[in-house]
Protein backbone atom coordinates (compact mmCIF):
# COMPACT_ATOMS: atom_id res chain seq x y z
CA UNK A 1 -4.72 -16.28 8.53
CA UNK A 2 -8.06 -17.09 6.92
CA UNK A 3 -9.46 -13.79 8.20
CA UNK A 4 -6.65 -11.83 6.52
CA UNK A 5 -7.15 -13.60 3.20
CA UNK A 6 -10.93 -13.18 3.19
CA UNK A 7 -10.68 -9.49 4.02
CA UNK A 8 -7.99 -8.93 1.42
CA UNK A 9 -10.08 -10.58 -1.29
CA UNK A 10 -13.25 -8.69 -0.38
CA UNK A 11 -11.83 -5.25 0.36
CA UNK A 12 -13.34 -3.85 -2.84
CA UNK A 13 -16.84 -4.53 -4.10
CA UNK A 14 -19.44 -3.14 -6.50
CA UNK A 15 -22.00 -0.60 -5.31
CA UNK A 16 -23.82 2.29 -7.00
CA UNK A 17 -21.44 5.08 -8.04
CA UNK A 18 -21.23 8.47 -6.34
CA UNK A 19 -23.18 11.41 -7.70
CA UNK A 20 -22.74 15.11 -7.07
CA UNK A 21 -20.24 16.83 -4.80
CA UNK A 22 -18.10 14.80 -2.45
CA UNK A 23 -17.05 15.65 1.11
CA UNK A 24 -15.40 12.96 3.26
CA UNK A 25 -17.37 12.08 6.38
CA UNK A 26 -16.26 10.55 9.67
CA UNK A 27 -17.69 7.05 9.97
CA UNK A 28 -18.28 6.80 6.22
CA UNK A 29 -15.00 7.24 4.34
CA UNK A 30 -12.75 7.33 7.41
CA UNK A 31 -12.74 6.77 11.15
CA UNK A 32 -10.57 7.68 14.11
CA UNK A 33 -8.58 4.84 15.65
CA UNK A 34 -7.17 4.45 19.13
CA UNK A 35 -3.60 5.39 18.27
CA UNK A 36 -1.52 8.49 18.89
CA UNK A 37 -1.58 11.25 16.30
CA UNK A 38 1.75 11.47 14.49
CA UNK A 39 3.79 14.62 15.21
CA UNK A 40 4.22 15.25 11.48
CA UNK A 41 1.83 14.91 8.57
CA UNK A 42 2.06 11.32 7.44
CA UNK A 43 0.31 8.75 5.24
CA UNK A 44 1.02 5.03 5.72
CA UNK A 45 -0.19 2.33 3.35
CA UNK A 46 0.05 -1.34 4.28
CA UNK A 47 -0.03 -3.53 1.20
CA UNK A 48 1.00 -6.89 -0.23
CA UNK A 49 2.28 -7.79 -3.67
CA UNK A 50 -0.01 -10.85 -3.36
CA UNK A 51 -3.15 -8.72 -2.94
CA UNK A 52 -4.95 -8.11 -6.27
CA UNK A 53 -6.65 -5.02 -4.87
CA UNK A 54 -3.31 -3.57 -3.82
CA UNK A 55 -2.16 -4.13 -7.39
CA UNK A 56 -5.27 -2.36 -8.68
CA UNK A 57 -4.71 0.56 -6.30
CA UNK A 58 -1.18 0.95 -7.65
CA UNK A 59 -1.43 0.00 -11.30
CA UNK A 60 -5.01 0.72 -12.36
CA UNK A 61 -6.45 3.35 -10.00
CA UNK A 62 -3.03 4.92 -9.32
CA UNK A 63 -4.16 6.04 -5.87
CA UNK A 64 -0.65 6.14 -4.34
CA UNK A 65 0.49 8.32 -7.23
CA UNK A 66 -2.48 10.67 -6.73
CA UNK A 67 -1.75 10.91 -3.02
CA UNK A 68 1.96 11.46 -3.59
CA UNK A 69 1.38 14.23 -6.12
CA UNK A 70 -0.91 16.11 -3.72
CA UNK A 71 1.17 15.86 -0.55
CA UNK A 72 1.60 19.19 1.23
CA UNK A 73 5.12 20.37 1.99
CA UNK A 74 6.74 18.38 4.76
CA UNK A 75 4.26 15.48 4.57
CA UNK A 76 5.48 11.89 4.26
CA UNK A 77 3.98 8.92 2.40
CA UNK A 78 5.34 5.51 3.42
CA UNK A 79 4.30 2.13 1.98
CA UNK A 80 4.93 -0.96 4.11
CA UNK A 81 4.70 -4.52 2.84
CA UNK A 82 2.93 -7.05 5.11
CA UNK A 83 3.89 -10.66 5.79
CA UNK A 84 0.53 -12.38 6.19
CA UNK A 85 -0.27 -13.14 2.53
CA UNK A 86 1.65 -15.66 0.43
CA UNK A 87 4.62 -17.96 0.96
CA UNK A 88 7.21 -15.44 -0.20
CA UNK A 89 5.81 -12.54 1.84
CA UNK A 90 8.85 -12.21 4.09
CA UNK A 91 11.21 -12.23 1.12
CA UNK A 92 9.04 -9.67 -0.65
CA UNK A 93 9.01 -7.50 2.47
CA UNK A 94 12.81 -7.62 2.54
CA UNK A 95 12.94 -6.88 -1.18
CA UNK A 96 10.67 -3.88 -0.64
CA UNK A 97 12.97 -2.69 2.14
CA UNK A 98 15.93 -3.01 -0.24
CA UNK A 99 14.02 -1.08 -2.91
CA UNK A 100 13.41 1.76 -0.44
CA UNK A 101 17.00 1.82 0.79
CA UNK A 102 18.36 1.75 -2.77
CA UNK A 103 15.77 4.24 -4.10
CA UNK A 104 14.54 1.79 -6.72
CA UNK A 105 10.89 1.48 -5.67
CA UNK A 106 9.59 3.10 -8.85
CA UNK A 107 11.71 0.82 -11.03
CA UNK A 108 10.61 -2.46 -9.43
CA UNK A 109 7.16 -1.93 -7.91
CA UNK A 110 5.04 -2.69 -10.97
CA UNK A 111 7.28 -5.59 -11.94
CA UNK A 112 7.03 -7.13 -8.48
CA UNK A 113 3.24 -6.80 -8.54
CA UNK A 114 3.02 -8.33 -12.01
CA UNK A 115 5.35 -11.25 -11.24
CA UNK A 116 3.74 -12.02 -7.89
CA UNK A 117 0.21 -11.85 -9.25
CA UNK A 118 1.26 -14.21 -12.05
CA UNK A 119 2.63 -16.75 -9.55
CA UNK A 120 6.21 -16.29 -10.72
CA UNK A 121 7.73 -15.42 -7.33
CA UNK A 122 8.74 -18.68 -5.66
CA UNK A 123 12.10 -17.78 -4.15
CA UNK A 124 14.46 -14.89 -3.44
CA UNK A 125 16.21 -15.81 -6.70
CA UNK A 126 13.00 -14.96 -8.59
CA UNK A 127 12.82 -11.62 -6.77
CA UNK A 128 16.50 -10.98 -7.54
CA UNK A 129 15.80 -11.50 -11.24
CA UNK A 130 12.99 -8.91 -11.15
CA UNK A 131 15.44 -6.35 -9.80
CA UNK A 132 18.08 -7.27 -12.39
CA UNK A 133 15.54 -7.02 -15.21
CA UNK A 134 14.59 -3.57 -13.87
CA UNK A 135 18.18 -2.38 -14.16
CA UNK A 136 19.55 -3.08 -10.68
CA UNK A 137 22.93 -4.79 -10.89
CA UNK A 138 23.35 -8.27 -9.47
CA UNK A 139 26.24 -6.98 -7.38
CA UNK A 140 24.12 -4.22 -5.88
CA UNK A 141 21.30 -6.62 -5.04
CA UNK A 142 23.58 -9.29 -3.57
CA UNK A 143 25.51 -6.85 -1.40
CA UNK A 144 22.44 -4.92 -0.30
CA UNK A 145 19.61 -7.36 0.31
CA UNK A 146 20.92 -8.38 3.76
CA UNK A 147 22.72 -5.15 4.58
CA UNK A 148 22.51 -3.31 7.89
CA UNK A 149 20.39 -0.57 6.30
CA UNK A 150 17.93 -3.06 4.81
CA UNK A 151 17.70 -4.96 8.10
CA UNK A 152 16.84 -1.67 9.79
CA UNK A 153 14.11 -0.95 7.24
CA UNK A 154 12.71 -4.46 7.67
CA UNK A 155 12.53 -3.88 11.42
CA UNK A 156 10.86 -0.52 10.88
CA UNK A 157 8.30 -2.17 8.60
CA UNK A 158 7.58 -4.95 11.10
CA UNK A 159 7.29 -2.53 14.01
CA UNK A 160 4.83 -0.40 12.07
CA UNK A 161 2.67 -3.44 11.40
CA UNK A 162 2.75 -4.42 15.08
CA UNK A 163 1.64 -0.91 15.97
CA UNK A 164 -1.30 -0.91 13.56
CA UNK A 165 -2.23 -4.58 13.27
CA UNK A 166 -5.30 -4.37 15.53
CA UNK A 167 -6.69 -1.80 13.09
CA UNK A 168 -5.86 -3.74 9.91
CA UNK A 169 -8.65 -6.01 8.67
CA UNK A 170 -7.19 -6.42 5.20
CA UNK A 171 -5.04 -4.68 2.62
CA UNK A 172 -4.65 -2.15 1.17
CA UNK A 173 -4.97 -0.22 4.44
CA UNK A 174 -4.32 3.52 4.61
CA UNK A 175 -3.72 5.51 7.80
CA UNK A 176 -3.38 9.28 7.94
CA UNK A 177 -1.55 11.19 10.67
CA UNK A 178 -1.38 8.03 12.77
CA UNK A 179 -4.96 8.02 14.02
CA UNK A 180 -7.26 8.20 10.99
CA UNK A 181 -8.12 5.09 8.97
CA UNK A 182 -9.62 5.03 5.48
CA UNK A 183 -12.77 2.90 5.15
CA UNK A 184 -12.76 1.40 1.67
CA UNK A 185 -16.37 0.22 2.03
CA UNK A 186 -17.45 3.86 2.35
CA UNK A 187 -16.41 4.61 -1.24
CA UNK A 188 -19.36 3.42 -3.32
CA UNK A 189 -18.65 2.78 -6.96
CA UNK A 190 -19.52 0.54 -9.88
CA UNK A 191 -16.75 -1.86 -10.92
CA UNK A 192 -18.20 -2.14 -14.41
CA UNK A 193 -18.22 1.61 -15.00
CA UNK A 194 -14.99 3.41 -15.97
CA UNK A 195 -16.22 6.74 -14.66
CA UNK A 196 -17.18 5.10 -11.39
CA UNK A 197 -13.67 3.71 -10.99
CA UNK A 198 -12.15 7.10 -11.78
CA UNK A 199 -14.45 8.70 -9.24
CA UNK A 200 -13.53 6.13 -6.62
CA UNK A 201 -9.81 6.76 -7.09
CA UNK A 202 -10.31 10.51 -7.02
CA UNK A 203 -12.43 10.43 -3.86
CA UNK A 204 -10.08 8.06 -2.08
CA UNK A 205 -7.07 10.28 -2.74
CA UNK A 206 -9.10 13.38 -1.87
CA UNK A 207 -9.99 11.88 1.49
CA UNK A 208 -6.36 11.10 2.30
CA UNK A 209 -5.31 14.65 1.45
CA UNK A 210 -8.29 16.14 3.30
CA UNK A 211 -7.29 14.30 6.48
CA UNK A 212 -3.66 15.36 6.10
CA UNK A 213 -4.72 18.96 6.30
CA UNK A 214 -7.27 18.67 9.13
């Protein structure tokens, strides 16, 4: 557990920013992992609402949005919540499954990040209120949170983590086409420089899309 927390808290750090043209390189920005290549083009992100860097990826750098907007036809982008950070992780994973099943991820994602980062998620009731505040009816949440479809998505999420867990040192963790892993330490940038952060986000998304097409 300590390993997961340390890696999650140190997955981003300040280094000199990139200069000039950028081309992703094996062993620098990504590496092959000992897993089967997916039959279809696919991006998987493992994340946690407890992870501040996951929140930054989503809310500040908007990397998932950049990836999603550049996906080639037929490609899939799936985000799976992990259970190894924070006391309410399993409830948040189930809530994320419900959001996917009910097509409300865009409505609740930022709110779940904000509430969790602020220490306001202490029970499923707190999570339920986030959904209600985002416009999901109490009836829909209550009838859906433990539904067959949500249970299936929870199982899918857990199985994906079991498949990739030997390759996950911390979150956020991105995998492309099943057998390519993004190396966050390979993206050098300056945390104090706005242009450096923009460049980091651009290069990260570019690498994901580059691997999708190669």
